[in-house]
Amino acid sequence: MLKIQENYSLNNLTTIKVGGAARFFARIKNVDELKEALEYAHHHSLNIFVISGGSNVVVSDNGFPGLAIQININGFEVVRENKKDVVLKIGAGEVWDKVVKRAVANGWWGIENLSWIPGRIGACAVQNSGAYGQEISDVIDELKVLEIASGEIKIFEKDECGYGYRTSIFNTGKRDQYIIVAVVLKLKKQGTISKGQGINNLAKIDYPDVKKYFEERGLEQPSLQQIRQAIIYIRSNKLPDMSKVGNAGSFFKNIVVSGKEYDDFLEKIRENFGDEEVGKAEELKEKYRLGKEIKILTAWLIDICGLKGAQVGYVKVYEKQPLVLVTEPSKATADEVMRLFRKVRQAVYQKTGMKLLPEPRLVGFTDEELKGYFEIN
């Protein structure tokens, strides 16, 4: 029988280590328990929040006034395979990096650059997690979901998921309508090193940090395991240890703009920082080009605005990777996190014209609170 707990603190269930309690909380181990939880929420007129692994969420200091559920649905099954591909069905509660580790150990290519990303696979599929030239949407075949309104299981093919940069229909237009219970991935059994752009399911080592890592070690054709080791090395040197320092991973999204928006951005950079930084912007534009659109690295913007180490209370911008906000557990508050977000957002907008957006989901905040945190003067 499903166990539902009252006034359950969510602080230690989130990696950023802030936030209040959920009015009700349940851990879900299978689809039957999930249906039971939905029935409970419906009977008591409660909103539902799926916390998953807690690595990409900030909960208000006032907590969440509904039913928070943690998806612990496990499972790792080879659905079908041939000489070229293997198709895996994975429970939404499986820890993502353990999935990557297992794939690499079996010689399956396509997600090695996503090593050491925190969280569970269901949440990764919702936000289209990506790093170093790969995204989980590159290898998703389909998603098995439970529709909240009907309690029915439905299948979404990859093309129905509306994947974009850190987005899908599950965190935009159809947010809070479905809960992912299983993810089906299609991986390659034979890998080829890709030194160009836009080739899915092939190993990508042309991303600047990755390229530099292998050049320094004289490796032109690294193995699958060597690629995973490289990514873990790079990420661990840039990102804080979640077991010691509170953080939600990347707090700020990178920015994607059109050509006209980019031209206006360059003028703002020239006005406030001079031609040298304009040259740097152009260099980064070529390194991280996204087809017809242009990606602007938010970490660089925060850096040139002099915001590394900026602090509000017990929360600060991480010096090694300014996309990350770090907290002092048991002392920091969600309000301090969001006030630092506002401080960084305001400063970057004033000097670059770019409006930063948070990557984590913000839960339990009132509309009035959010308006204040996002306000730009």
Foldseek 3Di string as FASTA:
>chain_A
DWDKDAQAACQVQALLRAAGGERIETEDADLVNVLVVLVVCVVVVFAEAECFSRQFEFYANVGFDGYYYYYQHFDWDFPDDDQWKTKIKTFQNAWVQVVLVVCQVQQWFFCLLVHPDGGTNQLLVAQQDDGDQHTQLLWFQKFWKQFSVPRDIDIGGSVRQCDDHRHTCCPPVCPSGIGTGITMTMTTNDEDEDCDHDDGRHHYQNQVQSVVVCVVVVDPDDGSVVSNVSSCVVCPQQDDDSVQWRWSPQFWDWDKAAPVLVVLLLVLCCVQPNDVVSVVQVVQQVSDPDVRITTHGVQVLLVVLPQAQPFFFQWGQDNSGRSMIIGHHPGDHSLRVLQSLLVSQQSSCVRRVDGIDTSGHYHDDDPVSVCVSRDHD
